[in-house]
PDB file of N, CA and C in Angstrom:
ATOM      1  N   MET A   1     -10.324   0.633 -15.818  1.00  0.00           N
ATOM      2  CA  MET A   1      -9.846   1.390 -14.829  1.00  0.00           C
ATOM      3  C   MET A   1      -9.701   0.771 -13.515  1.00  0.00           C
ATOM      4  N   TYR A   2      -8.705   0.708 -12.715  1.00  0.00           N
ATOM      5  CA  TYR A   2      -8.480   0.381 -11.436  1.00  0.00           C
ATOM      6  C   TYR A   2      -9.476   1.103 -10.276  1.00  0.00           C
ATOM      7  N   LYS A   3     -10.175   0.508  -9.569  1.00  0.00           N
ATOM      8  CA  LYS A   3     -11.015   1.101  -8.510  1.00  0.00           C
ATOM      9  C   LYS A   3     -10.435   0.928  -7.149  1.00  0.00           C
ATOM     10  N   TYR A   4     -10.278   2.134  -6.412  1.00  0.00           N
ATOM     11  CA  TYR A   4      -9.623   2.231  -5.115  1.00  0.00           C
ATOM     12  C   TYR A   4     -10.149   1.029  -4.322  1.00  0.00           C
ATOM     13  N   LYS A   5     -11.355   0.631  -4.200  1.00  0.00           N
ATOM     14  CA  LYS A   5     -12.115  -0.240  -3.304  1.00  0.00           C
ATOM     15  C   LYS A   5     -11.423  -1.766  -3.865  1.00  0.00           C
ATOM     16  N   GLU A   6     -10.914  -1.788  -4.803  1.00  0.00           N
ATOM     17  CA  GLU A   6     -10.390  -3.240  -5.373  1.00  0.00           C
ATOM     18  C   GLU A   6      -8.817  -3.019  -5.177  1.00  0.00           C
ATOM     19  N   ALA A   7      -8.285  -2.182  -4.663  1.00  0.00           N
ATOM     20  CA  ALA A   7      -6.753  -1.968  -4.726  1.00  0.00           C
ATOM     21  C   ALA A   7      -6.088  -3.145  -3.942  1.00  0.00           C
ATOM     22  N   ILE A   8      -6.557  -3.758  -2.939  1.00  0.00           N
ATOM     23  CA  ILE A   8      -5.879  -4.912  -2.214  1.00  0.00           C
ATOM     24  C   ILE A   8      -5.816  -6.006  -3.093  1.00  0.00           C
ATOM     25  N   ASN A   9      -6.989  -6.253  -3.772  1.00  0.00           N
ATOM     26  CA  ASN A   9      -7.214  -7.633  -4.603  1.00  0.00           C
ATOM     27  C   ASN A   9      -6.208  -7.248  -5.685  1.00  0.00           C
ATOM     28  N   ILE A  10      -6.189  -6.124  -6.398  1.00  0.00           N
ATOM     29  CA  ILE A  10      -5.338  -5.996  -7.341  1.00  0.00           C
ATOM     30  C   ILE A  10      -3.919  -6.364  -7.054  1.00  0.00           C
ATOM     31  N   LEU A  11      -3.589  -5.896  -6.010  1.00  0.00           N
ATOM     32  CA  LEU A  11      -2.281  -6.007  -5.499  1.00  0.00           C
ATOM     33  C   LEU A  11      -1.905  -7.544  -5.420  1.00  0.00           C
ATOM     34  N   ILE A  12      -2.829  -8.116  -4.662  1.00  0.00           N
ATOM     35  CA  ILE A  12      -2.359  -9.571  -4.257  1.00  0.00           C
ATOM     36  C   ILE A  12      -2.539 -10.491  -5.566  1.00  0.00           C
ATOM     37  N   ASN A  13      -3.209  -9.968  -6.411  1.00  0.00           N
ATOM     38  CA  ASN A  13      -3.306 -10.809  -7.762  1.00  0.00           C
ATOM     39  C   ASN A  13      -2.392 -10.685  -8.551  1.00  0.00           C
ATOM     40  N   ASN A  14      -1.633  -9.548  -8.518  1.00  0.00           N
ATOM     41  CA  ASN A  14      -0.352  -9.310  -9.428  1.00  0.00           C
ATOM     42  C   ASN A  14       0.810  -9.742  -8.426  1.00  0.00           C
ATOM     43  N   PHE A  15       0.912  -9.880  -7.225  1.00  0.00           N
ATOM     44  CA  PHE A  15       1.938 -10.318  -6.515  1.00  0.00           C
ATOM     45  C   PHE A  15       1.353 -11.414  -5.490  1.00  0.00           C
ATOM     46  N   SER A  16       1.336 -12.595  -5.902  1.00  0.00           N
ATOM     47  CA  SER A  16       0.792 -13.660  -5.169  1.00  0.00           C
ATOM     48  C   SER A  16       1.518 -13.855  -3.765  1.00  0.00           C
ATOM     49  N   GLU A  17       2.896 -13.633  -3.643  1.00  0.00           N
ATOM     50  CA  GLU A  17       3.372 -13.665  -2.580  1.00  0.00           C
ATOM     51  C   GLU A  17       2.950 -12.892  -1.501  1.00  0.00           C
ATOM     52  N   LEU A  18       2.276 -11.837  -1.642  1.00  0.00           N
ATOM     53  CA  LEU A  18       1.587 -11.061  -0.608  1.00  0.00           C
ATOM     54  C   LEU A  18       0.347 -11.500  -0.192  1.00  0.00           C
ATOM     55  N   ARG A  19      -0.450 -12.581  -0.983  1.00  0.00           N
ATOM     56  CA  ARG A  19      -1.666 -13.077  -0.592  1.00  0.00           C
ATOM     57  C   ARG A  19      -1.652 -13.481   1.002  1.00  0.00           C
ATOM     58  N   LYS A  20      -0.654 -14.346   1.247  1.00  0.00           N
ATOM     59  CA  LYS A  20      -0.519 -14.878   2.572  1.00  0.00           C
ATOM     60  C   LYS A  20      -0.554 -14.057   3.481  1.00  0.00           C
ATOM     61  N   VAL A  21       0.385 -13.016   3.593  1.00  0.00           N
ATOM     62  CA  VAL A  21       0.362 -11.902   4.477  1.00  0.00           C
ATOM     63  C   VAL A  21      -0.891 -11.325   4.808  1.00  0.00           C
ATOM     64  N   TYR A  22      -1.478 -11.150   3.489  1.00  0.00           N
ATOM     65  CA  TYR A  22      -3.036 -10.399   3.855  1.00  0.00           C
ATOM     66  C   TYR A  22      -4.020 -11.244   4.380  1.00  0.00           C
ATOM     67  N   GLU A  23      -3.883 -12.724   3.858  1.00  0.00           N
ATOM     68  CA  GLU A  23      -5.108 -13.543   4.344  1.00  0.00           C
ATOM     69  C   GLU A  23      -4.583 -13.768   6.129  1.00  0.00           C
ATOM     70  N   GLU A  24      -3.520 -14.001   6.397  1.00  0.00           N
ATOM     71  CA  GLU A  24      -3.156 -14.241   7.834  1.00  0.00           C
ATOM     72  C   GLU A  24      -3.518 -12.984   8.838  1.00  0.00           C
ATOM     73  N   ASN A  25      -3.397 -11.726   8.091  1.00  0.00           N
ATOM     74  CA  ASN A  25      -3.727 -10.693   8.805  1.00  0.00           C
ATOM     75  C   ASN A  25      -4.779  -9.706   8.496  1.00  0.00           C
ATOM     76  N   ILE A  26      -5.905 -10.534   8.032  1.00  0.00           N
ATOM     77  CA  ILE A  26      -7.103  -9.941   7.288  1.00  0.00           C
ATOM     78  C   ILE A  26      -7.650  -8.956   8.237  1.00  0.00           C
ATOM     79  N   ASP A  27      -7.586  -8.994   9.499  1.00  0.00           N
ATOM     80  CA  ASP A  27      -8.389  -8.315  10.410  1.00  0.00           C
ATOM     81  C   ASP A  27      -7.607  -6.819  10.575  1.00  0.00           C
ATOM     82  N   ASP A  28      -6.222  -6.761  10.264  1.00  0.00           N
ATOM     83  CA  ASP A  28      -5.761  -5.791  10.363  1.00  0.00           C
ATOM     84  C   ASP A  28      -5.715  -4.860   8.980  1.00  0.00           C
ATOM     85  N   TYR A  29      -5.880  -5.504   7.993  1.00  0.00           N
ATOM     86  CA  TYR A  29      -5.603  -4.931   6.683  1.00  0.00           C
ATOM     87  C   TYR A  29      -6.948  -4.796   5.820  1.00  0.00           C
ATOM     88  N   GLU A  30      -8.080  -5.647   6.098  1.00  0.00           N
ATOM     89  CA  GLU A  30      -9.127  -5.591   5.270  1.00  0.00           C
ATOM     90  C   GLU A  30      -9.763  -4.036   5.180  1.00  0.00           C
ATOM     91  N   ASP A  31     -10.059  -3.704   4.031  1.00  0.00           N
ATOM     92  CA  ASP A  31     -10.703  -2.266   3.917  1.00  0.00           C
ATOM     93  C   ASP A  31      -9.775  -1.226   4.231  1.00  0.00           C
ATOM     94  N   LEU A  32      -8.356  -1.484   4.318  1.00  0.00           N
ATOM     95  CA  LEU A  32      -7.493  -0.768   4.662  1.00  0.00           C
ATOM     96  C   LEU A  32      -6.138  -0.555   3.677  1.00  0.00           C
ATOM     97  N   PRO A  33      -6.639  -0.231   2.370  1.00  0.00           N
ATOM     98  CA  PRO A  33      -5.458  -0.404   1.356  1.00  0.00           C
ATOM     99  C   PRO A  33      -4.199   0.462   1.837  1.00  0.00           C
ATOM    100  N   TYR A  34      -4.308   1.529   2.404  1.00  0.00           N
ATOM    101  CA  TYR A  34      -2.932   2.625   2.633  1.00  0.00           C
ATOM    102  C   TYR A  34      -2.215   1.693   3.668  1.00  0.00           C
ATOM    103  N   VAL A  35      -2.951   1.121   4.631  1.00  0.00           N
ATOM    104  CA  VAL A  35      -1.991   0.430   5.506  1.00  0.00           C
ATOM    105  C   VAL A  35      -1.065  -0.891   4.829  1.00  0.00           C
ATOM    106  N   PHE A  36      -2.095  -1.551   4.150  1.00  0.00           N
ATOM    107  CA  PHE A  36      -1.459  -2.575   3.440  1.00  0.00           C
ATOM    108  C   PHE A  36      -0.502  -2.564   2.423  1.00  0.00           C
ATOM    109  N   TYR A  37      -0.634  -1.409   1.668  1.00  0.00           N
ATOM    110  CA  TYR A  37       0.311  -0.947   0.522  1.00  0.00           C
ATOM    111  C   TYR A  37       1.611  -0.487   1.322  1.00  0.00           C
ATOM    112  N   GLU A  38       1.501   0.474   2.443  1.00  0.00           N
ATOM    113  CA  GLU A  38       2.368   0.937   2.998  1.00  0.00           C
ATOM    114  C   GLU A  38       3.268   0.003   3.871  1.00  0.00           C
ATOM    115  N   SER A  39       2.481  -0.744   4.748  1.00  0.00           N
ATOM    116  CA  SER A  39       3.351  -1.595   5.371  1.00  0.00           C
ATOM    117  C   SER A  39       3.994  -2.907   4.806  1.00  0.00           C
ATOM    118  N   VAL A  40       3.070  -3.482   3.699  1.00  0.00           N
ATOM    119  CA  VAL A  40       3.485  -4.753   3.283  1.00  0.00           C
ATOM    120  C   VAL A  40       4.095  -4.591   1.948  1.00  0.00           C
ATOM    121  N   PHE A  41       3.347  -3.678   1.032  1.00  0.00           N
ATOM    122  CA  PHE A  41       4.072  -3.854  -0.439  1.00  0.00           C
ATOM    123  C   PHE A  41       5.292  -2.984  -0.384  1.00  0.00           C
ATOM    124  N   VAL A  42       5.600  -1.811   0.561  1.00  0.00           N
ATOM    125  CA  VAL A  42       6.653  -1.047   0.467  1.00  0.00           C
ATOM    126  C   VAL A  42       7.725  -1.959   1.055  1.00  0.00           C
ATOM    127  N   LYS A  43       7.642  -2.761   1.878  1.00  0.00           N
ATOM    128  CA  LYS A  43       8.562  -3.725   2.512  1.00  0.00           C
ATOM    129  C   LYS A  43       9.190  -4.660   1.606  1.00  0.00           C
ATOM    130  N   PHE A  44       8.184  -5.114   0.760  1.00  0.00           N
ATOM    131  CA  PHE A  44       8.459  -6.124  -0.423  1.00  0.00           C
ATOM    132  C   PHE A  44       9.255  -5.346  -1.361  1.00  0.00           C
ATOM    133  N   ILE A  45       8.993  -4.127  -1.637  1.00  0.00           N
ATOM    134  CA  ILE A  45       9.777  -3.454  -2.665  1.00  0.00           C
ATOM    135  C   ILE A  45      11.184  -3.435  -2.099  1.00  0.00           C
ATOM    136  N   LEU A  46      11.250  -3.000  -0.776  1.00  0.00           N
ATOM    137  CA  LEU A  46      12.571  -2.564  -0.408  1.00  0.00           C
ATOM    138  C   LEU A  46      13.465  -4.055  -0.287  1.00  0.00           C
ATOM    139  N   ASP A  47      12.684  -4.912   0.070  1.00  0.00           N
ATOM    140  CA  ASP A  47      13.419  -6.294   0.172  1.00  0.00           C
ATOM    141  C   ASP A  47      13.872  -6.803  -1.230  1.00  0.00           C
ATOM    142  N   LYS A  48      13.085  -6.704  -2.162  1.00  0.00           N
ATOM    143  CA  LYS A  48      13.617  -6.738  -3.546  1.00  0.00           C
ATOM    144  C   LYS A  48      14.833  -5.809  -3.924  1.00  0.00           C
ATOM    145  N   ALA A  49      14.885  -4.528  -3.788  1.00  0.00           N
ATOM    146  CA  ALA A  49      15.758  -3.890  -3.756  1.00  0.00           C
ATOM    147  C   ALA A  49      17.199  -4.166  -3.270  1.00  0.00           C
ATOM    148  N   ASN A  50      16.924  -4.624  -1.882  1.00  0.00           N
ATOM    149  CA  ASN A  50      18.149  -4.780  -1.133  1.00  0.00           C
ATOM    150  C   ASN A  50      18.994  -6.224  -1.636  1.00  0.00           C
ATOM    151  N   CYS A  51      18.183  -7.149  -2.124  1.00  0.00           N
ATOM    152  CA  CYS A  51      18.727  -8.239  -2.844  1.00  0.00           C
ATOM    153  C   CYS A  51      18.825  -8.164  -4.355  1.00  0.00           C
ATOM    154  N   TYR A  52      18.493  -6.879  -4.743  1.00  0.00           N
ATOM    155  CA  TYR A  52      18.668  -6.554  -6.160  1.00  0.00           C
ATOM    156  C   TYR A  52      18.026  -7.712  -7.076  1.00  0.00           C
ATOM    157  N   ASP A  53      16.848  -7.897  -6.773  1.00  0.00           N
ATOM    158  CA  ASP A  53      15.898  -8.751  -7.834  1.00  0.00           C
ATOM    159  C   ASP A  53      15.415  -7.884  -8.991  1.00  0.00           C
ATOM    160  N   GLU A  54      16.204  -7.765 -10.011  1.00  0.00           N
ATOM    161  CA  GLU A  54      16.084  -6.893 -11.052  1.00  0.00           C
ATOM    162  C   GLU A  54      14.738  -7.090 -11.757  1.00  0.00           C
ATOM    163  N   GLU A  55      14.460  -8.458 -11.991  1.00  0.00           N
ATOM    164  CA  GLU A  55      13.167  -8.871 -12.672  1.00  0.00           C
ATOM    165  C   GLU A  55      11.745  -8.454 -12.010  1.00  0.00           C
ATOM    166  N   LYS A  56      11.783  -8.630 -10.688  1.00  0.00           N
ATOM    167  CA  LYS A  56      10.951  -8.321  -9.832  1.00  0.00           C
ATOM    168  C   LYS A  56      10.650  -6.812  -9.705  1.00  0.00           C
ATOM    169  N   LEU A  57      11.759  -6.101  -9.617  1.00  0.00           N
ATOM    170  CA  LEU A  57      11.689  -4.802  -9.532  1.00  0.00           C
ATOM    171  C   LEU A  57      11.122  -4.119 -10.835  1.00  0.00           C
ATOM    172  N   LYS A  58      11.355  -4.632 -11.748  1.00  0.00           N
ATOM    173  CA  LYS A  58      10.764  -4.077 -13.114  1.00  0.00           C
ATOM    174  C   LYS A  58       9.332  -4.553 -13.190  1.00  0.00           C
ATOM    175  N   THR A  59       8.813  -5.753 -12.543  1.00  0.00           N
ATOM    176  CA  THR A  59       7.430  -5.874 -12.616  1.00  0.00           C
ATOM    177  C   THR A  59       6.828  -5.079 -11.538  1.00  0.00           C
ATOM    178  N   ILE A  60       7.487  -4.663 -10.641  1.00  0.00           N
ATOM    179  CA  ILE A  60       6.650  -4.041  -9.586  1.00  0.00           C
ATOM    180  C   ILE A  60       6.551  -2.587 -10.033  1.00  0.00           C
ATOM    181  N   PHE A  61       7.529  -1.906 -10.791  1.00  0.00           N
ATOM    182  CA  PHE A  61       7.412  -0.440 -11.211  1.00  0.00           C
ATOM    183  C   PHE A  61       6.351  -0.418 -12.519  1.00  0.00           C
ATOM    184  N   ILE A  62       6.479  -1.603 -13.225  1.00  0.00           N
ATOM    185  CA  ILE A  62       5.342  -1.627 -14.305  1.00  0.00           C
ATOM    186  C   ILE A  62       3.937  -1.501 -13.651  1.00  0.00           C
ATOM    187  N   PHE A  63       3.990  -2.266 -12.646  1.00  0.00           N
ATOM    188  CA  PHE A  63       2.632  -2.370 -11.894  1.00  0.00           C
ATOM    189  C   PHE A  63       2.260  -0.926 -11.281  1.00  0.00           C
ATOM    190  N   VAL A  64       3.150  -0.348 -10.766  1.00  0.00           N
ATOM    191  CA  VAL A  64       3.086   1.093 -10.051  1.00  0.00           C
ATOM    192  C   VAL A  64       2.483   2.077 -11.120  1.00  0.00           C
ATOM    193  N   GLU A  65       3.415   2.114 -12.383  1.00  0.00           N
ATOM    194  CA  GLU A  65       2.995   2.985 -13.354  1.00  0.00           C
ATOM    195  C   GLU A  65       1.695   2.602 -13.832  1.00  0.00           C
ATOM    196  N   ASP A  66       1.365   1.491 -14.222  1.00  0.00           N
ATOM    197  CA  ASP A  66      -0.044   1.097 -14.511  1.00  0.00           C
ATOM    198  C   ASP A  66      -1.264   1.720 -13.696  1.00  0.00           C
ATOM    199  N   MET A  67      -0.934   1.531 -12.486  1.00  0.00           N
ATOM    200  CA  MET A  67      -1.904   1.891 -11.409  1.00  0.00           C
ATOM    201  C   MET A  67      -2.025   3.480 -11.538  1.00  0.00           C
ATOM    202  N   PHE A  68      -0.875   4.350 -11.500  1.00  0.00           N
ATOM    203  CA  PHE A  68      -0.843   5.647 -11.969  1.00  0.00           C
ATOM    204  C   PHE A  68      -1.513   5.986 -13.035  1.00  0.00           C
ATOM    205  N   THR A  69      -1.296   5.293 -14.152  1.00  0.00           N
ATOM    206  CA  THR A  69      -2.135   5.427 -15.493  1.00  0.00           C
ATOM    207  C   THR A  69      -3.554   5.236 -15.340  1.00  0.00           C
ATOM    208  N   ASN A  70      -3.839   4.128 -14.905  1.00  0.00           N
ATOM    209  CA  ASN A  70      -5.257   3.436 -15.091  1.00  0.00           C
ATOM    210  C   ASN A  70      -5.966   3.461 -13.878  1.00  0.00           C
ATOM    211  N   GLY A  71      -5.474   4.116 -12.654  1.00  0.00           N
ATOM    212  CA  GLY A  71      -6.358   4.043 -11.463  1.00  0.00           C
ATOM    213  C   GLY A  71      -7.447   5.361 -11.467  1.00  0.00           C
ATOM    214  N   ASP A  72      -8.406   5.141 -10.734  1.00  0.00           N
ATOM    215  CA  ASP A  72      -9.179   6.289 -10.483  1.00  0.00           C
ATOM    216  C   ASP A  72      -8.350   7.334  -9.674  1.00  0.00           C
ATOM    217  N   GLU A  73      -8.682   8.233  -9.154  1.00  0.00           N
ATOM    218  CA  GLU A  73      -8.217   9.446  -8.598  1.00  0.00           C
ATOM    219  C   GLU A  73      -7.733   8.801  -6.993  1.00  0.00           C
ATOM    220  N   GLU A  74      -8.571   8.206  -6.458  1.00  0.00           N
ATOM    221  CA  GLU A  74      -8.377   7.487  -5.099  1.00  0.00           C
ATOM    222  C   GLU A  74      -7.176   6.537  -5.233  1.00  0.00           C
ATOM    223  N   THR A  75      -7.009   5.845  -6.156  1.00  0.00           N
ATOM    224  CA  THR A  75      -5.992   4.784  -6.542  1.00  0.00           C
ATOM    225  C   THR A  75      -4.569   5.374  -6.718  1.00  0.00           C
ATOM    226  N   LYS A  76      -4.748   6.618  -7.578  1.00  0.00           N
ATOM    227  CA  LYS A  76      -3.585   7.301  -7.806  1.00  0.00           C
ATOM    228  C   LYS A  76      -2.922   7.724  -6.577  1.00  0.00           C
ATOM    229  N   ASN A  77      -3.820   8.342  -5.748  1.00  0.00           N
ATOM    230  CA  ASN A  77      -3.622   8.963  -4.254  1.00  0.00           C
ATOM    231  C   ASN A  77      -2.984   8.183  -3.406  1.00  0.00           C
ATOM    232  N   LEU A  78      -3.589   6.606  -3.534  1.00  0.00           N
ATOM    233  CA  LEU A  78      -2.981   5.866  -2.796  1.00  0.00           C
ATOM    234  C   LEU A  78      -1.611   5.367  -3.156  1.00  0.00           C
ATOM    235  N   ILE A  79      -1.292   5.221  -4.255  1.00  0.00           N
ATOM    236  CA  ILE A  79       0.055   4.673  -4.912  1.00  0.00           C
ATOM    237  C   ILE A  79       1.006   6.183  -4.675  1.00  0.00           C
ATOM    238  N   GLY A  80       0.628   7.306  -4.849  1.00  0.00           N
ATOM    239  CA  GLY A  80       1.362   8.392  -4.549  1.00  0.00           C
ATOM    240  C   GLY A  80       1.824   8.654  -2.872  1.00  0.00           C
ATOM    241  N   VAL A  81       0.906   8.150  -2.141  1.00  0.00           N
ATOM    242  CA  VAL A  81       1.083   8.555  -0.781  1.00  0.00           C
ATOM    243  C   VAL A  81       1.823   7.216  -0.134  1.00  0.00           C
ATOM    244  N   ALA A  82       1.079   6.160  -0.151  1.00  0.00           N
ATOM    245  CA  ALA A  82       1.592   4.836   0.513  1.00  0.00           C
ATOM    246  C   ALA A  82       2.769   4.365  -0.077  1.00  0.00           C
ATOM    247  N   ILE A  83       3.011   4.402  -1.206  1.00  0.00           N
ATOM    248  CA  ILE A  83       4.253   3.873  -2.104  1.00  0.00           C
ATOM    249  C   ILE A  83       5.392   5.080  -2.225  1.00  0.00           C
ATOM    250  N   ILE A  84       5.123   5.769  -3.134  1.00  0.00           N
ATOM    251  CA  ILE A  84       6.158   6.907  -3.432  1.00  0.00           C
ATOM    252  C   ILE A  84       6.592   7.528  -2.225  1.00  0.00           C
ATOM    253  N   GLU A  85       5.692   8.219  -1.720  1.00  0.00           N
ATOM    254  CA  GLU A  85       6.171   8.864  -0.398  1.00  0.00           C
ATOM    255  C   GLU A  85       7.039   8.272   0.553  1.00  0.00           C
ATOM    256  N   SER A  86       6.571   7.006   0.796  1.00  0.00           N
ATOM    257  CA  SER A  86       7.354   5.908   1.635  1.00  0.00           C
ATOM    258  C   SER A  86       8.727   5.709   1.114  1.00  0.00           C
ATOM    259  N   LEU A  87       8.779   5.622  -0.165  1.00  0.00           N
ATOM    260  CA  LEU A  87      10.105   5.241  -0.707  1.00  0.00           C
ATOM    261  C   LEU A  87      10.888   6.618  -0.831  1.00  0.00           C
ATOM    262  N   TYR A  88      10.247   7.863  -0.957  1.00  0.00           N
ATOM    263  CA  TYR A  88      11.010   9.011  -1.161  1.00  0.00           C
ATOM    264  C   TYR A  88      11.655   9.268   0.419  1.00  0.00           C
ATOM    265  N   TYR A  89      10.810   8.867   1.613  1.00  0.00           N
ATOM    266  CA  TYR A  89      11.705   8.929   2.792  1.00  0.00           C
ATOM    267  C   TYR A  89      12.307   7.920   3.220  1.00  0.00           C
ATOM    268  N   GLU A  90      12.744   6.947   2.481  1.00  0.00           N
ATOM    269  CA  GLU A  90      13.631   5.874   2.597  1.00  0.00           C
ATOM    270  C   GLU A  90      14.912   6.403   2.991  1.00  0.00           C
ATOM    271  N   GLU A  91      15.525   6.135   4.018  1.00  0.00           N
ATOM    272  CA  GLU A  91      16.831   6.765   4.516  1.00  0.00           C
ATOM    273  C   GLU A  91      17.948   6.251   3.709  1.00  0.00           C
ATOM    274  N   ASP A  92      18.081   5.025   3.231  1.00  0.00           N
ATOM    275  CA  ASP A  92      19.220   4.435   2.517  1.00  0.00           C
ATOM    276  C   ASP A  92      19.399   5.067   1.050  1.00  0.00           C
ATOM    277  N   SER A  93      20.242   5.797   0.923  1.00  0.00           N
ATOM    278  CA  SER A  93      20.513   6.504  -0.549  1.00  0.00           C
ATOM    279  C   SER A  93      20.686   5.351  -1.576  1.00  0.00           C
ATOM    280  N   LYS A  94      21.523   4.371  -1.315  1.00  0.00           N
ATOM    281  CA  LYS A  94      21.734   3.401  -2.188  1.00  0.00           C
ATOM    282  C   LYS A  94      20.373   2.651  -2.492  1.00  0.00           C
ATOM    283  N   THR A  95      19.559   2.369  -1.615  1.00  0.00           N
ATOM    284  CA  THR A  95      18.448   1.641  -1.895  1.00  0.00           C
ATOM    285  C   THR A  95      17.723   2.541  -2.970  1.00  0.00           C
ATOM    286  N   LYS A  96      17.431   4.079  -2.581  1.00  0.00           N
ATOM    287  CA  LYS A  96      16.785   4.734  -3.478  1.00  0.00           C
ATOM    288  C   LYS A  96      17.357   4.977  -4.904  1.00  0.00           C
ATOM    289  N   GLU A  97      18.737   4.879  -4.856  1.00  0.00           N
ATOM    290  CA  GLU A  97      19.409   4.995  -6.229  1.00  0.00           C
ATOM    291  C   GLU A  97      19.147   3.769  -7.158  1.00  0.00           C
ATOM    292  N   ILE A  98      18.985   2.440  -6.632  1.00  0.00           N
ATOM    293  CA  ILE A  98      18.455   1.316  -7.242  1.00  0.00           C
ATOM    294  C   ILE A  98      17.096   1.441  -7.639  1.00  0.00           C
ATOM    295  N   LEU A  99      16.324   1.995  -6.884  1.00  0.00           N
ATOM    296  CA  LEU A  99      14.635   2.015  -7.054  1.00  0.00           C
ATOM    297  C   LEU A  99      14.556   3.132  -8.315  1.00  0.00           C
ATOM    298  N   LEU A 100      15.172   3.959  -8.298  1.00  0.00           N
ATOM    299  CA  LEU A 100      15.032   5.079  -9.435  1.00  0.00           C
ATOM    300  C   LEU A 100      15.187   4.751 -10.765  1.00  0.00           C
ATOM    301  N   LYS A 101      15.974   3.741 -10.956  1.00  0.00           N
ATOM    302  CA  LYS A 101      16.392   3.133 -12.242  1.00  0.00           C
ATOM    303  C   LYS A 101      14.972   2.371 -12.798  1.00  0.00           C
ATOM    304  N   TYR A 102      13.999   2.006 -12.033  1.00  0.00           N
ATOM    305  CA  TYR A 102      12.946   1.247 -12.436  1.00  0.00           C
ATOM    306  C   TYR A 102      11.673   2.200 -12.678  1.00  0.00           C
ATOM    307  N   PHE A 103      11.744   3.479 -12.138  1.00  0.00           N
ATOM    308  CA  PHE A 103      10.682   4.315 -12.260  1.00  0.00           C
ATOM    309  C   PHE A 103      10.289   4.614 -13.507  1.00  0.00           C
ATOM    310  N   GLY A 104       8.911   4.643 -13.890  1.00  0.00           N
ATOM    311  CA  GLY A 104       8.293   5.219 -14.875  1.00  0.00           C
ATOM    312  C   GLY A 104       8.082   6.727 -15.027  1.00  0.00           C
ATOM    313  N   LYS A 105       7.535   7.285 -16.056  1.00  0.00           N
ATOM    314  CA  LYS A 105       7.546   8.574 -16.230  1.00  0.00           C
ATOM    315  C   LYS A 105       6.779   9.065 -15.043  1.00  0.00           C
ATOM    316  N   LEU A 106       5.250   8.636 -14.765  1.00  0.00           N
ATOM    317  CA  LEU A 106       4.275   9.107 -13.646  1.00  0.00           C
ATOM    318  C   LEU A 106       4.957   8.928 -12.201  1.00  0.00           C
ATOM    319  N   THR A 107       5.748   7.676 -12.147  1.00  0.00           N
ATOM    320  CA  THR A 107       6.380   7.409 -10.678  1.00  0.00           C
ATOM    321  C   THR A 107       7.348   8.365 -10.542  1.00  0.00           C
ATOM    322  N   LYS A 108       8.163   8.568 -11.476  1.00  0.00           N
ATOM    323  CA  LYS A 108       9.040   9.782 -11.352  1.00  0.00           C
ATOM    324  C   LYS A 108       8.559  10.932 -10.856  1.00  0.00           C
ATOM    325  N   LYS A 109       7.728  11.522 -11.663  1.00  0.00           N
ATOM    326  CA  LYS A 109       7.031  12.895 -11.351  1.00  0.00           C
ATOM    327  C   LYS A 109       6.670  12.746  -9.845  1.00  0.00           C
ATOM    328  N   SER A 110       5.868  11.819  -9.395  1.00  0.00           N
ATOM    329  CA  SER A 110       5.221  11.645  -8.151  1.00  0.00           C
ATOM    330  C   SER A 110       6.380  11.769  -6.974  1.00  0.00           C
ATOM    331  N   PHE A 111       7.488  11.016  -7.302  1.00  0.00           N
ATOM    332  CA  PHE A 111       8.496  11.149  -6.459  1.00  0.00           C
ATOM    333  C   PHE A 111       9.216  12.297  -6.372  1.00  0.00           C
ATOM    334  N   GLU A 112       9.370  13.131  -7.532  1.00  0.00           N
ATOM    335  CA  GLU A 112      10.023  14.476  -7.459  1.00  0.00           C
ATOM    336  C   GLU A 112       9.189  15.479  -6.804  1.00  0.00           C
ATOM    337  N   ASP A 113       7.987  15.231  -6.909  1.00  0.00           N
ATOM    338  CA  ASP A 113       6.785  16.077  -6.281  1.00  0.00           C
ATOM    339  C   ASP A 113       6.723  15.830  -4.832  1.00  0.00           C
ATOM    340  N   CYS A 114       7.682  14.935  -4.151  1.00  0.00           N
ATOM    341  CA  CYS A 114       7.777  14.854  -2.730  1.00  0.00           C
ATOM    342  C   CYS A 114       8.643  15.689  -2.224  1.00  0.00           C
ATOM    343  N   SER A 115       9.660  16.151  -3.020  1.00  0.00           N
ATOM    344  CA  SER A 115      10.684  17.094  -2.615  1.00  0.00           C
ATOM    345  C   SER A 115       9.797  18.464  -2.354  1.00  0.00           C
ATOM    346  N   PRO A 116      10.331  19.159  -1.265  1.00  0.00           N
ATOM    347  CA  PRO A 116       9.781  20.292  -0.571  1.00  0.00           C
ATOM    348  C   PRO A 116      10.255  21.231  -1.633  1.00  0.00           C
ATOM    349  N   LYS A 117       9.074  22.332  -2.025  1.00  0.00           N
ATOM    350  CA  LYS A 117       9.274  23.416  -2.792  1.00  0.00           C
ATOM    351  C   LYS A 117      10.186  24.414  -2.316  1.00  0.00           C
ATOM    352  N   GLN A 118      11.023  24.864  -3.263  1.00  0.00           N
ATOM    353  CA  GLN A 118      11.774  26.102  -2.877  1.00  0.00           C
ATOM    354  C   GLN A 118      11.261  27.330  -3.130  1.00  0.00           C
ATOM    355  N   MET A 119      11.273  28.288  -2.268  1.00  0.00           N
ATOM    356  CA  MET A 119      10.778  29.425  -2.403  1.00  0.00           C
ATOM    357  C   MET A 119      11.497  30.590  -2.962  1.00  0.00           C
TER     358      MET A 119
END
């Protein structure tokens, strides 16, 4: 099970290209997984969508789905809020369309749950 307190290490161990950003800005991100995931990982995801890096997008969303499946409650909330809600509010509909292709079952449900409920 993934533990929330290990969330940043889990991310940079899976995506080594993010390690340098973390280490160079450790004062900004240490013990602040929401900030790191939202400001760094979401940007990374959007960059990969914009250059249509299909293999990296597959890897990213396998990781996201795995975190939803195997994370503790705080980790699941981190993924839902910092990543999925940020992607939901992405203004570029073409980018969202690209990303949706890679969502797993739990990722898709979390994304759909961002939509305001109709009364």
